[in-house]
Amino acid sequence: MISSQAKTLHLLLASASQTNSTTRTANLDCAGASYAEIVMNFASAINTNAVGPTISLLESDDTVATNFATFNSDFEATALSIANAKVRSYQLDLRKRKRYLQLKVTTATATNDNVTMGAHAFLSRKAIEPASEADMAGDTNSVVTVAGL
């Protein structure tokens, strides 16, 4: 199989405007995968004095919200600068990680601290490789299309 096709795509957070003092979370089931890439895309801040969001990547053995914990401070960001549009990517070796990852994005408290962002994940080095395009979509909100020459 072509290595770029040997992964599954998962929608974590749909692109949306997130108002101030709001938290959005998404859980990712990493069962059977040895590697994950989480990609977040941010539109530039509408207001130049806005404070960017706080980002946390947590892990747990289950999906109980209170069981998720920080496992690496490098995956934490406070007041992420979004003066310009940007993409933030996390690359994770999952072999010693717990089964579930949780992405948490919290906006600051001022009324102009809105954020427009979205996030998706790719799981790869899977125990069972995807057999078809349909299997490359890790959830019903993702669509994968493979074009031949």
N, C-alpha and C. Protein backbone atom coordinates (compact mmCIF):
# COMPACT_ATOMS: atom_id res chain seq x y z
N MET A 1 0.84 -1.17 0.00
CA MET A 1 0.00 0.00 0.00
C MET A 1 0.88 1.24 0.00
N ILE A 2 0.42 2.29 -0.63
CA ILE A 2 1.11 3.56 -0.64
C ILE A 2 1.05 4.14 0.78
N SER A 3 2.22 4.56 1.30
CA SER A 3 2.26 4.96 2.72
C SER A 3 1.30 6.10 3.05
N SER A 4 1.09 7.04 2.13
CA SER A 4 0.17 8.15 2.44
C SER A 4 -1.28 7.68 2.52
N GLN A 5 -1.55 6.48 2.01
CA GLN A 5 -2.90 5.93 2.09
C GLN A 5 -3.06 4.97 3.26
N ALA A 6 -1.99 4.71 3.99
CA ALA A 6 -2.02 3.76 5.09
C ALA A 6 -2.31 4.47 6.41
N LYS A 7 -3.28 5.37 6.38
CA LYS A 7 -3.65 6.10 7.58
C LYS A 7 -5.14 6.40 7.54
N THR A 8 -5.68 6.78 8.68
CA THR A 8 -7.09 7.17 8.72
C THR A 8 -7.20 8.64 9.11
N LEU A 9 -8.19 9.29 8.55
CA LEU A 9 -8.45 10.71 8.78
C LEU A 9 -9.62 10.85 9.75
N HIS A 10 -9.46 11.71 10.75
CA HIS A 10 -10.49 11.93 11.76
C HIS A 10 -10.74 13.42 11.94
N LEU A 11 -11.98 13.83 11.86
CA LEU A 11 -12.34 15.22 12.16
C LEU A 11 -12.46 15.37 13.66
N LEU A 12 -11.66 16.26 14.24
CA LEU A 12 -11.73 16.48 15.69
C LEU A 12 -12.65 17.65 16.00
N LEU A 13 -12.33 18.82 15.48
CA LEU A 13 -13.14 20.01 15.70
C LEU A 13 -13.42 20.65 14.35
N ALA A 14 -14.67 20.74 13.98
CA ALA A 14 -15.02 21.37 12.71
C ALA A 14 -14.63 22.84 12.76
N SER A 15 -14.22 23.38 11.64
CA SER A 15 -13.87 24.80 11.59
C SER A 15 -15.07 25.63 12.00
N ALA A 16 -14.86 26.50 12.98
CA ALA A 16 -15.95 27.31 13.51
C ALA A 16 -15.37 28.48 14.29
N SER A 17 -16.20 29.48 14.48
CA SER A 17 -15.84 30.61 15.32
C SER A 17 -16.15 30.22 16.77
N GLN A 18 -15.19 30.40 17.63
CA GLN A 18 -15.32 30.05 19.04
C GLN A 18 -15.27 31.35 19.84
N THR A 19 -16.35 31.68 20.51
CA THR A 19 -16.44 32.94 21.25
C THR A 19 -15.58 32.92 22.51
N ASN A 20 -15.42 34.08 23.12
CA ASN A 20 -14.59 34.19 24.32
C ASN A 20 -15.14 33.31 25.45
N SER A 21 -14.24 32.89 26.31
CA SER A 21 -14.56 32.07 27.49
C SER A 21 -15.25 30.75 27.12
N THR A 22 -14.90 30.20 25.98
CA THR A 22 -15.50 28.94 25.53
C THR A 22 -14.42 27.87 25.43
N THR A 23 -14.79 26.65 25.75
CA THR A 23 -13.89 25.51 25.59
C THR A 23 -14.52 24.50 24.66
N ARG A 24 -13.76 24.05 23.67
CA ARG A 24 -14.20 22.96 22.81
C ARG A 24 -13.22 21.81 23.01
N THR A 25 -13.76 20.59 23.10
CA THR A 25 -12.92 19.41 23.27
C THR A 25 -13.30 18.35 22.25
N ALA A 26 -12.33 17.50 21.96
CA ALA A 26 -12.56 16.37 21.07
C ALA A 26 -11.70 15.21 21.55
N ASN A 27 -12.29 14.02 21.59
CA ASN A 27 -11.56 12.82 21.96
C ASN A 27 -11.21 12.03 20.71
N LEU A 28 -10.03 11.43 20.71
CA LEU A 28 -9.56 10.62 19.60
C LEU A 28 -9.20 9.24 20.12
N ASP A 29 -9.85 8.21 19.59
CA ASP A 29 -9.55 6.82 19.95
C ASP A 29 -8.39 6.37 19.09
N CYS A 30 -7.25 6.10 19.71
CA CYS A 30 -6.03 5.75 18.99
C CYS A 30 -5.77 4.24 18.95
N ALA A 31 -6.76 3.44 19.30
CA ALA A 31 -6.57 1.98 19.34
C ALA A 31 -6.06 1.47 17.99
N GLY A 32 -5.01 0.69 18.04
CA GLY A 32 -4.46 0.06 16.84
C GLY A 32 -3.50 0.93 16.05
N ALA A 33 -3.26 2.15 16.48
CA ALA A 33 -2.34 3.04 15.77
C ALA A 33 -1.08 3.26 16.59
N SER A 34 0.04 3.43 15.92
CA SER A 34 1.31 3.69 16.60
C SER A 34 1.76 5.13 16.45
N TYR A 35 1.08 5.90 15.60
CA TYR A 35 1.50 7.28 15.35
C TYR A 35 0.29 8.15 15.07
N ALA A 36 0.34 9.38 15.56
CA ALA A 36 -0.75 10.32 15.30
C ALA A 36 -0.17 11.68 14.91
N GLU A 37 -0.88 12.35 14.02
CA GLU A 37 -0.59 13.73 13.70
C GLU A 37 -1.89 14.50 13.89
N ILE A 38 -1.85 15.52 14.73
CA ILE A 38 -3.02 16.37 14.96
C ILE A 38 -2.70 17.73 14.36
N VAL A 39 -3.56 18.18 13.46
CA VAL A 39 -3.34 19.43 12.74
C VAL A 39 -4.47 20.39 13.08
N MET A 40 -4.09 21.58 13.55
CA MET A 40 -5.06 22.62 13.89
C MET A 40 -4.83 23.80 12.96
N ASN A 41 -5.90 24.36 12.43
CA ASN A 41 -5.78 25.53 11.58
C ASN A 41 -6.51 26.70 12.23
N PHE A 42 -5.84 27.85 12.26
CA PHE A 42 -6.37 29.05 12.89
C PHE A 42 -6.46 30.19 11.89
N ALA A 43 -7.59 30.87 11.86
CA ALA A 43 -7.70 32.11 11.11
C ALA A 43 -7.03 33.20 11.94
N SER A 44 -6.58 34.26 11.29
CA SER A 44 -5.97 35.35 12.04
C SER A 44 -7.02 36.03 12.92
N ALA A 45 -6.57 36.57 14.02
CA ALA A 45 -7.46 37.23 14.97
C ALA A 45 -8.12 38.43 14.31
N ILE A 46 -9.40 38.61 14.55
CA ILE A 46 -10.13 39.74 13.99
C ILE A 46 -9.67 41.03 14.65
N ASN A 47 -9.43 40.97 15.94
CA ASN A 47 -8.99 42.14 16.70
C ASN A 47 -7.51 42.01 17.01
N THR A 48 -6.74 43.06 16.72
CA THR A 48 -5.29 42.97 16.89
C THR A 48 -4.85 42.81 18.34
N ASN A 49 -5.68 43.18 19.29
CA ASN A 49 -5.29 43.03 20.69
C ASN A 49 -5.90 41.79 21.34
N ALA A 50 -6.45 40.91 20.54
CA ALA A 50 -7.05 39.68 21.09
C ALA A 50 -5.96 38.76 21.64
N VAL A 51 -6.29 38.03 22.68
CA VAL A 51 -5.40 37.03 23.26
C VAL A 51 -5.77 35.68 22.66
N GLY A 52 -4.79 34.98 22.15
CA GLY A 52 -5.03 33.69 21.51
C GLY A 52 -5.45 32.62 22.51
N PRO A 53 -5.86 31.46 22.01
CA PRO A 53 -6.41 30.41 22.87
C PRO A 53 -5.34 29.65 23.64
N THR A 54 -5.82 28.90 24.62
CA THR A 54 -5.00 27.94 25.35
C THR A 54 -5.30 26.56 24.77
N ILE A 55 -4.27 25.82 24.44
CA ILE A 55 -4.42 24.50 23.82
C ILE A 55 -3.84 23.45 24.77
N SER A 56 -4.57 22.38 24.97
CA SER A 56 -4.10 21.27 25.79
C SER A 56 -4.31 19.97 25.04
N LEU A 57 -3.31 19.11 25.07
CA LEU A 57 -3.44 17.76 24.53
C LEU A 57 -3.24 16.81 25.71
N LEU A 58 -4.28 16.04 26.01
CA LEU A 58 -4.33 15.20 27.20
C LEU A 58 -4.50 13.74 26.80
N GLU A 59 -4.33 12.82 27.75
CA GLU A 59 -4.52 11.40 27.47
C GLU A 59 -5.26 10.72 28.61
N SER A 60 -5.90 9.57 28.27
CA SER A 60 -6.61 8.78 29.28
C SER A 60 -6.80 7.36 28.76
N ASP A 61 -7.06 6.45 29.69
CA ASP A 61 -7.37 5.07 29.32
C ASP A 61 -8.84 4.92 28.94
N ASP A 62 -9.66 5.92 29.25
CA ASP A 62 -11.08 5.87 28.94
C ASP A 62 -11.54 7.27 28.54
N THR A 63 -12.83 7.45 28.32
CA THR A 63 -13.33 8.75 27.86
C THR A 63 -14.00 9.56 28.98
N VAL A 64 -13.77 9.19 30.22
CA VAL A 64 -14.30 9.95 31.35
C VAL A 64 -13.53 11.28 31.41
N ALA A 65 -14.22 12.38 31.31
CA ALA A 65 -13.59 13.70 31.19
C ALA A 65 -12.58 13.99 32.29
N THR A 66 -12.89 13.60 33.51
CA THR A 66 -12.00 13.92 34.63
C THR A 66 -10.74 13.05 34.67
N ASN A 67 -10.67 12.00 33.86
CA ASN A 67 -9.51 11.12 33.84
C ASN A 67 -8.41 11.59 32.88
N PHE A 68 -8.70 12.55 32.01
CA PHE A 68 -7.69 13.03 31.07
C PHE A 68 -6.64 13.85 31.80
N ALA A 69 -5.37 13.61 31.49
CA ALA A 69 -4.28 14.30 32.16
C ALA A 69 -3.21 14.69 31.16
N THR A 70 -2.47 15.73 31.49
CA THR A 70 -1.34 16.17 30.68
C THR A 70 -0.26 15.10 30.72
N PHE A 71 0.35 14.81 29.58
CA PHE A 71 1.43 13.83 29.55
C PHE A 71 2.74 14.44 29.06
N ASN A 72 2.68 15.62 28.45
CA ASN A 72 3.89 16.26 27.96
C ASN A 72 3.61 17.76 27.86
N SER A 73 4.34 18.55 28.62
CA SER A 73 4.08 20.00 28.64
C SER A 73 4.37 20.66 27.30
N ASP A 74 5.12 19.99 26.41
CA ASP A 74 5.37 20.54 25.07
C ASP A 74 4.08 20.63 24.26
N PHE A 75 3.07 19.88 24.64
CA PHE A 75 1.80 19.89 23.92
C PHE A 75 0.79 20.86 24.55
N GLU A 76 1.28 21.74 25.39
CA GLU A 76 0.44 22.77 26.01
C GLU A 76 0.85 24.12 25.43
N ALA A 77 -0.11 24.97 25.16
CA ALA A 77 0.18 26.32 24.67
C ALA A 77 -0.80 27.28 25.32
N THR A 78 -0.28 28.37 25.86
CA THR A 78 -1.12 29.38 26.49
C THR A 78 -1.01 30.67 25.69
N ALA A 79 -2.15 31.29 25.43
CA ALA A 79 -2.19 32.56 24.68
C ALA A 79 -1.46 32.43 23.34
N LEU A 80 -1.77 31.36 22.61
CA LEU A 80 -1.16 31.12 21.30
C LEU A 80 -1.37 32.34 20.41
N SER A 81 -0.30 32.87 19.86
CA SER A 81 -0.42 34.05 19.00
C SER A 81 -1.13 33.69 17.70
N ILE A 82 -2.20 34.42 17.41
CA ILE A 82 -2.90 34.24 16.14
C ILE A 82 -3.02 35.58 15.41
N ALA A 83 -1.95 36.39 15.55
CA ALA A 83 -1.92 37.66 14.83
C ALA A 83 -2.03 37.40 13.32
N ASN A 84 -1.47 36.28 12.89
CA ASN A 84 -1.58 35.84 11.49
C ASN A 84 -2.19 34.45 11.48
N ALA A 85 -2.84 34.11 10.38
CA ALA A 85 -3.38 32.75 10.25
C ALA A 85 -2.22 31.76 10.38
N LYS A 86 -2.49 30.62 11.00
CA LYS A 86 -1.42 29.65 11.17
C LYS A 86 -1.96 28.24 11.28
N VAL A 87 -1.05 27.30 11.11
CA VAL A 87 -1.33 25.88 11.32
C VAL A 87 -0.41 25.41 12.43
N ARG A 88 -0.96 24.65 13.36
CA ARG A 88 -0.16 24.05 14.42
C ARG A 88 -0.32 22.54 14.31
N SER A 89 0.80 21.82 14.33
CA SER A 89 0.77 20.38 14.16
C SER A 89 1.46 19.70 15.33
N TYR A 90 0.84 18.67 15.85
CA TYR A 90 1.43 17.84 16.89
C TYR A 90 1.74 16.47 16.26
N GLN A 91 2.94 15.97 16.49
CA GLN A 91 3.36 14.66 16.02
C GLN A 91 3.58 13.78 17.25
N LEU A 92 2.89 12.63 17.32
CA LEU A 92 2.95 11.81 18.52
C LEU A 92 3.26 10.35 18.22
N ASP A 93 4.24 9.83 18.92
CA ASP A 93 4.49 8.39 18.94
C ASP A 93 3.54 7.82 19.99
N LEU A 94 2.63 6.96 19.57
CA LEU A 94 1.58 6.46 20.46
C LEU A 94 1.94 5.17 21.18
N ARG A 95 3.10 4.60 20.91
CA ARG A 95 3.41 3.27 21.44
C ARG A 95 3.41 3.22 22.96
N LYS A 96 3.70 4.33 23.65
CA LYS A 96 3.69 4.32 25.11
C LYS A 96 2.61 5.25 25.66
N ARG A 97 1.65 5.58 24.84
CA ARG A 97 0.57 6.49 25.23
C ARG A 97 -0.66 5.68 25.63
N LYS A 98 -1.55 6.34 26.31
CA LYS A 98 -2.83 5.72 26.65
C LYS A 98 -3.72 5.71 25.41
N ARG A 99 -4.84 5.01 25.49
CA ARG A 99 -5.68 4.77 24.30
C ARG A 99 -6.30 6.04 23.73
N TYR A 100 -6.75 6.96 24.58
CA TYR A 100 -7.49 8.13 24.10
C TYR A 100 -6.68 9.41 24.25
N LEU A 101 -6.74 10.25 23.25
CA LEU A 101 -6.20 11.60 23.33
C LEU A 101 -7.37 12.57 23.36
N GLN A 102 -7.19 13.67 24.04
CA GLN A 102 -8.21 14.72 24.05
C GLN A 102 -7.55 16.04 23.69
N LEU A 103 -8.12 16.70 22.70
CA LEU A 103 -7.69 18.03 22.33
C LEU A 103 -8.66 19.02 22.96
N LYS A 104 -8.12 20.01 23.69
CA LYS A 104 -8.96 21.00 24.36
C LYS A 104 -8.47 22.39 23.95
N VAL A 105 -9.40 23.22 23.45
CA VAL A 105 -9.08 24.58 23.06
C VAL A 105 -9.98 25.52 23.84
N THR A 106 -9.36 26.44 24.60
CA THR A 106 -10.11 27.38 25.43
C THR A 106 -9.73 28.80 25.04
N THR A 107 -10.73 29.61 24.76
CA THR A 107 -10.48 31.00 24.40
C THR A 107 -10.37 31.86 25.67
N ALA A 108 -9.68 32.98 25.51
CA ALA A 108 -9.50 33.91 26.63
C ALA A 108 -10.83 34.60 26.96
N THR A 109 -10.81 35.43 27.98
CA THR A 109 -12.07 35.92 28.55
C THR A 109 -12.58 37.25 28.00
N ALA A 110 -11.75 38.06 27.35
CA ALA A 110 -12.23 39.35 26.85
C ALA A 110 -13.18 39.16 25.67
N THR A 111 -14.07 40.11 25.48
CA THR A 111 -15.10 39.96 24.44
C THR A 111 -14.52 39.90 23.03
N ASN A 112 -13.29 40.35 22.82
CA ASN A 112 -12.69 40.30 21.49
C ASN A 112 -11.76 39.11 21.30
N ASP A 113 -11.78 38.15 22.21
CA ASP A 113 -10.88 37.00 22.14
C ASP A 113 -11.47 35.81 21.39
N ASN A 114 -12.30 36.07 20.41
CA ASN A 114 -12.87 35.00 19.60
C ASN A 114 -11.79 34.37 18.72
N VAL A 115 -11.97 33.10 18.43
CA VAL A 115 -11.01 32.36 17.62
C VAL A 115 -11.80 31.59 16.56
N THR A 116 -11.29 31.59 15.33
CA THR A 116 -11.86 30.73 14.29
C THR A 116 -10.83 29.65 14.01
N MET A 117 -11.22 28.41 14.26
CA MET A 117 -10.26 27.31 14.12
C MET A 117 -10.96 25.98 13.88
N GLY A 118 -10.18 25.02 13.44
CA GLY A 118 -10.64 23.65 13.26
C GLY A 118 -9.46 22.71 13.48
N ALA A 119 -9.74 21.42 13.64
CA ALA A 119 -8.66 20.45 13.87
C ALA A 119 -9.05 19.09 13.31
N HIS A 120 -8.05 18.41 12.79
CA HIS A 120 -8.25 17.03 12.35
C HIS A 120 -7.02 16.22 12.73
N ALA A 121 -7.14 14.90 12.64
CA ALA A 121 -6.05 14.01 13.02
C ALA A 121 -5.87 12.92 11.98
N PHE A 122 -4.64 12.49 11.84
CA PHE A 122 -4.32 11.31 11.03
C PHE A 122 -3.73 10.27 11.98
N LEU A 123 -4.24 9.05 11.92
CA LEU A 123 -3.66 7.93 12.65
C LEU A 123 -2.98 7.02 11.65
N SER A 124 -1.73 6.62 11.95
CA SER A 124 -0.99 5.78 11.01
C SER A 124 -0.20 4.73 11.77
N ARG A 125 0.60 3.96 11.00
CA ARG A 125 1.31 2.80 11.53
C ARG A 125 0.32 1.92 12.28
N LYS A 126 -0.75 1.61 11.59
CA LYS A 126 -1.87 0.89 12.21
C LYS A 126 -1.64 -0.61 12.18
N ALA A 127 -2.20 -1.28 13.17
CA ALA A 127 -2.11 -2.73 13.23
C ALA A 127 -2.81 -3.36 12.03
N ILE A 128 -3.91 -2.75 11.60
CA ILE A 128 -4.63 -3.21 10.41
C ILE A 128 -4.74 -2.01 9.48
N GLU A 129 -4.11 -2.10 8.31
CA GLU A 129 -4.11 -0.99 7.37
C GLU A 129 -5.49 -0.87 6.70
N PRO A 130 -5.87 0.34 6.32
CA PRO A 130 -7.14 0.52 5.61
C PRO A 130 -7.14 -0.25 4.29
N ALA A 131 -8.23 -0.93 3.99
CA ALA A 131 -8.32 -1.74 2.78
C ALA A 131 -8.98 -0.99 1.63
N SER A 132 -9.63 0.13 1.92
CA SER A 132 -10.35 0.87 0.88
C SER A 132 -10.41 2.34 1.27
N GLU A 133 -10.88 3.16 0.33
CA GLU A 133 -11.05 4.58 0.62
C GLU A 133 -11.99 4.78 1.81
N ALA A 134 -13.06 4.01 1.85
CA ALA A 134 -14.03 4.14 2.94
C ALA A 134 -13.37 3.86 4.29
N ASP A 135 -12.42 2.92 4.32
CA ASP A 135 -11.73 2.58 5.57
C ASP A 135 -10.71 3.66 5.97
N MET A 136 -10.34 4.54 5.03
CA MET A 136 -9.39 5.62 5.34
C MET A 136 -10.06 6.75 6.10
N ALA A 137 -11.38 6.83 6.06
CA ALA A 137 -12.13 7.82 6.83
C ALA A 137 -12.40 7.23 8.20
N GLY A 138 -11.83 7.84 9.23
CA GLY A 138 -11.92 7.28 10.57
C GLY A 138 -13.24 7.54 11.25
N ASP A 139 -14.11 8.36 10.65
CA ASP A 139 -15.40 8.63 11.24
C ASP A 139 -16.36 9.03 10.12
N THR A 140 -17.62 9.17 10.46
CA THR A 140 -18.62 9.47 9.42
C THR A 140 -18.58 10.93 8.97
N ASN A 141 -17.77 11.77 9.63
CA ASN A 141 -17.67 13.17 9.25
C ASN A 141 -16.49 13.43 8.32
N SER A 142 -15.72 12.41 7.99
CA SER A 142 -14.54 12.56 7.14
C SER A 142 -14.77 11.83 5.82
N VAL A 143 -14.23 12.40 4.75
CA VAL A 143 -14.32 11.78 3.43
C VAL A 143 -12.92 11.74 2.84
N VAL A 144 -12.50 10.60 2.33
CA VAL A 144 -11.22 10.45 1.68
C VAL A 144 -11.45 10.06 0.24
N THR A 145 -10.81 10.77 -0.68
CA THR A 145 -10.90 10.46 -2.11
C THR A 145 -9.51 10.20 -2.64
N VAL A 146 -9.33 9.10 -3.33
CA VAL A 146 -8.03 8.75 -3.92
C VAL A 146 -8.20 8.82 -5.43
N ALA A 147 -7.38 9.62 -6.08
CA ALA A 147 -7.45 9.78 -7.54
C ALA A 147 -6.29 9.06 -8.19
N GLY A 148 -6.57 8.33 -9.23
CA GLY A 148 -5.52 7.65 -9.97
C GLY A 148 -5.02 8.54 -11.11
N LEU A 149 -3.97 8.12 -11.74
CA LEU A 149 -3.42 8.90 -12.86
C LEU A 149 -4.24 8.71 -14.11
